[in-house]
Protein backbone atom coordinates (compact mmCIF):
# COMPACT_ATOMS: atom_id res chain seq x y z
CA MET A 1 0.00 0.00 0.00
CA GLU A 2 1.50 3.33 -1.07
CA MET A 3 1.78 6.03 1.58
CA ILE A 4 0.23 9.42 0.84
CA GLN A 5 2.79 12.17 1.41
CA PHE A 6 3.12 15.75 0.17
CA LEU A 7 5.96 17.06 2.38
CA ASP A 8 9.06 15.03 3.15
CA PRO A 9 10.86 15.49 6.51
CA GLU A 10 12.89 18.35 4.98
CA SER A 11 9.64 20.12 3.99
CA LYS A 12 10.22 19.57 0.30
CA VAL A 13 7.03 19.08 -1.71
CA VAL A 14 7.37 15.58 -3.15
CA ASN A 15 3.89 15.28 -4.62
CA PHE A 16 1.99 18.13 -6.29
CA GLU A 17 -0.92 16.01 -7.51
CA GLY A 18 -3.83 16.38 -5.14
CA PHE A 19 -2.02 18.85 -2.87
CA PRO A 20 -4.81 20.26 -0.68
CA LYS A 21 -6.18 23.67 -1.59
CA LEU A 22 -5.75 25.59 1.64
CA SER A 23 -5.51 29.36 1.80
CA ASP A 24 -2.50 31.05 3.40
CA GLY A 25 -4.76 31.96 6.30
CA GLU A 26 -5.81 28.34 6.77
CA VAL A 27 -2.19 27.14 6.70
CA LYS A 28 -1.32 29.72 9.37
CA LYS A 29 -4.33 28.65 11.44
CA ILE A 30 -3.17 25.03 11.33
CA TYR A 31 0.31 26.04 12.44
CA GLU A 32 -1.07 28.18 15.26
CA LEU A 33 -3.19 25.24 16.43
CA MET A 34 -0.04 23.11 16.44
CA VAL A 35 1.82 25.67 18.53
CA ILE A 36 -0.88 26.09 21.17
CA SER A 37 -1.54 22.34 21.28
CA ARG A 38 2.13 21.62 21.90
CA MET A 39 2.24 24.26 24.61
CA PHE A 40 -0.93 22.86 26.19
CA ASP A 41 0.73 19.43 26.19
CA ASP A 42 3.99 20.67 27.70
CA ILE A 43 2.24 22.53 30.51
CA ALA A 44 -0.02 19.52 31.18
CA LEU A 45 3.06 17.36 31.77
CA LYS A 46 4.48 19.97 34.16
CA LEU A 47 1.17 20.29 36.01
CA GLN A 48 1.00 16.52 36.43
CA ARG A 49 4.53 16.41 37.85
CA GLU A 50 3.50 19.09 40.34
CA GLY A 51 0.45 17.08 41.42
CA ARG A 52 -2.02 19.49 39.82
CA LEU A 53 -3.23 17.01 37.18
CA LEU A 54 -3.77 13.27 37.36
CA THR A 55 -2.22 10.71 34.99
CA TYR A 56 -1.78 12.37 31.61
CA ALA A 57 -1.09 11.01 28.10
CA SER A 58 1.07 13.25 25.93
CA PHE A 59 0.51 13.51 22.17
CA LEU A 60 3.94 15.03 21.42
CA GLY A 61 4.84 14.19 17.83
CA GLN A 62 1.27 13.43 16.77
CA GLU A 63 0.10 17.00 16.18
CA ALA A 64 -0.22 16.63 12.40
CA SER A 65 -2.34 13.48 12.70
CA GLN A 66 -4.74 15.10 15.14
CA ILE A 67 -4.93 18.68 13.89
CA GLY A 68 -4.75 17.88 10.18
CA SER A 69 -7.69 15.49 10.48
CA ALA A 70 -9.80 17.57 12.87
CA PHE A 71 -9.35 20.63 10.64
CA ALA A 72 -11.19 18.74 7.87
CA LEU A 73 -14.39 18.31 9.92
CA GLU A 74 -17.45 20.47 9.35
CA LYS A 75 -19.46 21.93 12.22
CA GLU A 76 -22.18 19.26 11.96
CA ASP A 77 -19.70 16.37 12.08
CA TRP A 78 -19.04 14.28 15.17
CA PHE A 79 -15.72 13.21 16.68
CA LEU A 80 -14.99 10.53 19.25
CA THR A 81 -11.56 10.25 20.82
CA SER A 82 -9.30 8.28 23.10
CA TYR A 83 -7.38 9.63 26.08
CA ARG A 84 -4.50 11.03 23.94
CA ASP A 85 -6.32 13.18 21.39
CA HIS A 86 -6.28 16.55 23.15
CA ALA A 87 -5.25 18.43 19.97
CA VAL A 88 -8.45 17.22 18.28
CA TRP A 89 -10.49 18.88 21.01
CA ILE A 90 -8.42 22.07 20.80
CA THR A 91 -8.86 22.20 17.01
CA ARG A 92 -12.62 21.82 17.32
CA GLY A 93 -12.80 24.76 19.74
CA PHE A 94 -13.19 22.96 23.07
CA PRO A 95 -12.25 25.25 26.00
CA LEU A 96 -8.68 24.66 27.18
CA HIS A 97 -9.50 25.05 30.84
CA MET A 98 -12.12 22.29 30.61
CA LEU A 99 -9.57 19.86 29.19
CA TYR A 100 -7.26 20.60 32.10
CA GLN A 101 -10.21 20.34 34.48
CA TYR A 102 -11.08 16.87 33.20
CA TRP A 103 -7.51 15.57 33.46
CA ALA A 104 -7.38 16.98 36.99
CA GLY A 105 -10.14 14.51 37.86
CA ASP A 106 -13.21 16.72 37.53
CA GLU A 107 -15.75 15.06 35.22
CA ARG A 108 -17.44 18.41 34.59
CA GLY A 109 -14.53 19.15 32.28
CA MET A 110 -16.12 16.81 29.74
CA LYS A 111 -19.50 18.50 29.69
CA ILE A 112 -19.66 19.06 25.94
CA PRO A 113 -20.75 22.56 24.84
CA ASP A 114 -23.90 22.68 22.71
CA ASN A 115 -22.00 23.85 19.62
CA ILE A 116 -19.67 20.82 19.56
CA ASN A 117 -20.71 17.33 18.42
CA ALA A 118 -18.65 14.91 20.47
CA LEU A 119 -18.82 12.26 23.14
CA PRO A 120 -16.49 12.40 26.17
CA ALA A 121 -12.96 11.10 25.69
CA THR A 122 -12.74 7.39 26.49
CA ILE A 123 -10.16 5.78 28.75
CA PRO A 124 -10.78 2.06 27.97
CA VAL A 125 -8.97 1.14 24.77
CA GLY A 126 -11.21 0.94 21.71
CA THR A 127 -14.64 1.40 23.28
CA GLN A 128 -15.24 4.61 21.33
CA ILE A 129 -15.14 2.74 18.00
CA PRO A 130 -18.57 1.02 18.16
CA HIS A 131 -19.94 4.21 19.73
CA ALA A 132 -18.83 6.17 16.66
CA VAL A 133 -20.41 3.62 14.35
CA GLY A 134 -23.63 3.99 16.32
CA VAL A 135 -23.52 7.77 15.98
CA ALA A 136 -22.89 7.46 12.24
CA TRP A 137 -25.66 4.92 11.78
CA ALA A 138 -28.10 7.15 13.70
CA ASN A 139 -27.19 10.06 11.43
CA LYS A 140 -27.80 7.90 8.37
CA LEU A 141 -31.18 6.65 9.64
CA GLN A 142 -32.24 10.25 10.30
CA GLY A 143 -31.14 11.38 6.85
CA LYS A 144 -28.50 13.74 8.23
CA LYS A 145 -25.32 14.60 6.31
CA SER A 146 -23.21 14.46 9.44
CA VAL A 147 -20.12 12.22 9.50
CA ALA A 148 -18.54 10.62 12.58
CA VAL A 149 -14.74 10.49 12.86
CA VAL A 150 -13.28 8.16 15.48
CA TYR A 151 -9.70 8.34 16.77
CA PHE A 152 -7.74 5.42 18.19
CA GLY A 153 -4.23 3.98 18.33
CA ASP A 154 -2.57 0.93 16.86
CA GLY A 155 -3.16 -1.00 20.08
CA ALA A 156 -6.93 -0.65 19.66
CA THR A 157 -6.79 -2.69 16.45
CA SER A 158 -6.21 -5.75 18.65
CA LYS A 159 -9.50 -5.22 20.48
CA GLY A 160 -12.85 -6.76 19.58
CA ASP A 161 -14.44 -3.29 19.58
CA PHE A 162 -12.35 -2.39 16.52
CA HIS A 163 -13.36 -5.44 14.49
CA GLU A 164 -17.02 -5.27 15.51
CA GLY A 165 -17.19 -1.58 14.65
CA MET A 166 -15.43 -2.02 11.30
CA ASN A 167 -17.63 -4.97 10.34
CA PHE A 168 -20.87 -3.17 11.24
CA ALA A 169 -19.74 -0.04 9.38
CA GLY A 170 -18.96 -2.05 6.26
CA VAL A 171 -22.21 -4.01 6.29
CA PHE A 172 -24.43 -0.97 6.84
CA GLN A 173 -22.25 1.51 4.90
CA VAL A 174 -22.39 4.08 7.67
CA PRO A 175 -20.82 7.55 7.27
CA CYS A 176 -17.89 6.92 9.59
CA VAL A 177 -14.16 7.61 9.24
CA PHE A 178 -11.83 5.41 11.29
CA LEU A 179 -8.62 7.31 12.03
CA CYS A 180 -5.86 5.20 13.52
CA GLN A 181 -2.78 6.96 14.80
CA ASN A 182 -0.18 4.24 14.44
CA ASN A 183 2.40 5.70 16.81
CA GLN A 184 4.34 2.41 16.80
CA TRP A 185 3.82 1.54 20.47
CA ALA A 186 0.88 0.39 22.61
CA ILE A 187 2.53 1.20 25.93
CA SER A 188 5.57 -1.12 25.63
CA VAL A 189 4.19 -3.41 22.91
CA PRO A 190 5.55 -2.60 19.41
CA VAL A 191 3.19 -2.62 16.44
CA GLU A 192 4.77 -5.76 14.97
CA ARG A 193 3.45 -7.62 18.04
CA GLN A 194 -0.04 -6.26 17.38
CA THR A 195 -0.40 -7.59 13.85
CA ALA A 196 1.27 -9.59 11.10
CA SER A 197 -0.24 -7.28 8.46
CA GLU A 198 2.20 -5.14 6.52
CA THR A 199 -0.04 -2.15 7.28
CA LEU A 200 -3.00 -1.53 9.51
CA ALA A 201 -4.85 0.26 6.72
CA GLN A 202 -5.15 -2.90 4.66
CA LYS A 203 -7.43 -4.41 7.33
CA ALA A 204 -10.27 -2.33 5.88
CA ALA A 205 -10.39 -4.62 2.83
CA ALA A 206 -11.66 -7.48 4.99
CA TYR A 207 -14.66 -5.35 5.93
CA GLY A 208 -15.48 -4.22 2.42
CA PHE A 209 -14.28 -0.63 2.35
CA GLU A 210 -11.25 1.50 1.56
CA GLY A 211 -8.11 1.70 3.67
CA VAL A 212 -5.64 4.58 3.26
CA LEU A 213 -2.08 4.91 4.55
CA VAL A 214 -0.75 8.44 5.13
CA ASP A 215 2.40 10.04 6.51
CA GLY A 216 1.01 11.01 9.88
CA ASN A 217 3.66 13.71 10.37
CA ASP A 218 2.66 15.49 7.14
CA VAL A 219 -0.29 17.70 8.07
CA PHE A 220 -1.24 18.22 4.42
CA ALA A 221 -1.41 14.49 3.73
CA VAL A 222 -3.55 13.89 6.82
CA TYR A 223 -5.88 16.77 5.97
CA LYS A 224 -6.32 15.60 2.37
CA ALA A 225 -6.98 11.96 3.29
CA THR A 226 -9.49 12.94 5.98
CA LYS A 227 -11.25 15.52 3.82
CA ASP A 228 -11.63 12.99 1.00
CA ALA A 229 -12.94 10.34 3.40
CA ILE A 230 -15.43 12.75 5.00
CA ASP A 231 -16.67 13.95 1.61
CA LYS A 232 -17.11 10.34 0.48
CA ALA A 233 -19.01 9.41 3.64
CA ARG A 234 -21.21 12.49 3.38
CA ALA A 235 -22.08 11.52 -0.19
CA GLY A 236 -23.38 8.15 1.03
CA LYS A 237 -20.42 6.12 -0.22
CA GLY A 238 -19.57 4.50 3.09
CA PRO A 239 -16.69 4.42 5.57
CA THR A 240 -12.92 4.75 5.21
CA PHE A 241 -10.07 3.57 7.43
CA ILE A 242 -7.09 5.95 7.59
CA GLU A 243 -3.80 4.84 9.10
CA CYS A 244 -1.64 7.80 10.14
CA TYR A 245 1.92 6.51 10.32
CA THR A 246 3.41 8.60 13.14
CA TYR A 247 5.30 8.30 16.42
CA ARG A 248 4.75 8.97 20.11
CA LEU A 249 7.81 10.92 21.28
CA GLU A 250 6.86 10.93 24.96
CA SER A 251 6.03 8.08 27.34
CA HIS A 252 2.67 6.31 27.02
CA THR A 253 1.46 8.30 30.03
CA THR A 254 3.04 10.00 33.01
CA ALA A 255 2.88 6.59 34.72
CA ASP A 256 5.26 5.11 32.13
CA ASP A 257 8.99 5.34 31.31
CA TRP A 258 9.69 4.85 27.59
CA LYS A 259 13.43 4.37 28.15
CA ARG A 260 12.71 0.92 29.60
CA TYR A 261 11.53 -0.49 26.27
CA ARG A 262 12.62 1.88 23.45
CA ASP A 263 16.01 2.69 21.99
CA VAL A 264 16.99 6.34 22.46
CA LYS A 265 18.34 6.37 18.88
CA GLU A 266 14.88 5.43 17.57
CA VAL A 267 13.28 8.37 19.35
CA GLU A 268 15.99 10.76 18.15
CA GLU A 269 15.46 9.64 14.55
CA TRP A 270 11.73 10.34 14.81
CA LYS A 271 12.40 13.79 16.27
CA LYS A 272 13.90 14.65 12.88
CA ARG A 273 10.40 14.13 11.42
CA ASP A 274 8.78 16.60 13.86
CA PRO A 275 5.45 17.62 12.25
CA VAL A 276 5.53 21.14 13.70
CA GLU A 277 9.03 21.86 12.40
CA ARG A 278 8.11 20.35 9.04
CA LEU A 279 5.21 22.76 8.58
CA LYS A 280 7.28 25.70 9.87
CA LYS A 281 10.00 25.08 7.26
CA TYR A 282 7.37 24.88 4.51
CA MET A 283 5.80 28.15 5.66
CA ARG A 284 9.17 29.86 5.76
CA LYS A 285 9.81 28.87 2.15
CA LYS A 286 6.39 30.25 1.20
CA GLY A 287 6.95 33.53 3.05
CA LEU A 288 4.27 32.72 5.65
CA TRP A 289 6.60 32.50 8.65
CA ASP A 290 9.18 34.80 10.22
CA GLU A 291 10.60 35.42 13.70
CA LYS A 292 8.17 38.25 14.45
CA TYR A 293 5.17 36.05 13.59
CA GLU A 294 6.59 33.20 15.70
CA GLU A 295 7.11 35.48 18.69
CA LYS A 296 3.54 36.74 18.48
CA ILE A 297 1.86 33.35 18.29
CA LEU A 298 4.09 31.93 21.05
CA ASN A 299 3.14 34.82 23.33
CA ASP A 300 -0.55 34.40 22.46
CA ALA A 301 -0.36 30.66 23.17
CA LYS A 302 1.41 31.23 26.51
CA LEU A 303 -1.27 33.70 27.56
CA LYS A 304 -4.13 31.38 26.61
CA VAL A 305 -2.61 28.38 28.38
CA ARG A 306 -1.81 30.46 31.47
CA GLU A 307 -5.38 31.76 31.58
CA ALA A 308 -6.74 28.22 31.13
CA THR A 309 -4.59 26.97 34.02
CA GLN A 310 -5.77 29.74 36.32
CA LYS A 311 -9.40 29.20 35.32
CA PHE A 312 -9.50 25.45 35.87
CA GLU A 313 -7.80 25.77 39.25
CA SER A 314 -10.28 28.43 40.36
CA VAL A 315 -13.34 26.24 39.71
CA GLU A 316 -15.20 25.38 42.90
CA PRO A 317 -14.52 21.69 43.62
CA LEU A 318 -17.25 19.09 43.70
CA LYS A 319 -18.66 18.07 47.04
CA PRO A 320 -18.05 14.42 48.01
CA LYS A 321 -21.81 13.77 48.06
CA ASP A 322 -21.95 14.65 44.35
CA MET A 323 -20.55 11.21 43.50
CA PHE A 324 -24.05 9.79 44.04
CA LYS A 325 -25.99 12.31 41.98
CA TYR A 326 -25.23 11.95 38.30
CA VAL A 327 -25.37 8.27 37.32
CA TYR A 328 -29.14 7.74 37.44
CA GLU A 329 -31.99 10.10 36.69
CA THR A 330 -33.74 8.64 39.74
CA ALA A 331 -31.33 6.99 42.18
CA PRO A 332 -32.26 3.34 42.93
CA GLU A 333 -32.77 2.22 46.50
CA GLN A 334 -29.25 0.86 47.02
CA ILE A 335 -27.68 4.14 45.89
CA GLN A 336 -29.95 6.09 48.22
CA GLU A 337 -28.88 3.79 51.06
CA GLN A 338 -25.22 4.34 50.23
CA MET A 339 -25.75 8.11 50.26
CA LYS A 340 -27.37 7.93 53.70
CA ASP A 341 -24.52 5.77 55.02
CA PHE A 342 -22.01 8.23 53.59
CA GLU A 343 -23.75 11.15 55.25
């Protein structure tokens, strides 16, 4: 399976055919989203080390896969994510402070605003995949043009949820895009221990629809593949599976140490393919980037992240009794008894 790529690691355009038609303003917007997402990620790691956030999963190195794909969604489209896809939420306009709030252990951080079509980020591996297929099927049954895009990692392709969701999507031709960020590692398990397939994308053939392999560190390739898949789904032509070939530069989570199972040389080699630097070099060649512009957007990002940090830490904490309130519309007898015992 040939990999879709427009920019090589040196930011040279290697494929002009099908290069996405994005305005200069849109290219700048994508870069600015990359910058603030990376800063959000860096501060989240620091906050966790200070005990101000709980366990956190960094997406360092996967910005192009997340932002390039999320940028292709329309307002009416849905997205469903795993625990690592914070840049998707940022791209779709989710408040920064609420993301921090959620990863600090406050479930109110995942109260989705009315103008965003999403379900809360999922922690169990792969469970969001059949949920996304259900959302897409519901949209189809209601005659809506909305498409559901679901994000997951290479490790999720070993779960039953993945195969059940793919099979259902293929049989019922639902408007769903499966976006797998193959970052090479499911915690300490390398992708070659997940599958004997040469690619993950080729698995789509078994379920009767198209699989696409893209350079996950090339934001233009990811955008183009996702836009094409969304357009196809919206036109009633069924699902697509996109494999973004990328790399997780940080540990699996803050509870993990990647040096125990990965070669430092491997990580250093992947740093040379940094998606943010790749886009920056391209923009410089096109006259869209200079030091003054960089300074401005860095300062803007710092201000926004600082404000988000202050805002989430100023939210009035939940009361312990609240743990009983929000599971059932009407609490069953045993829950009422537990609440009384707690009081």
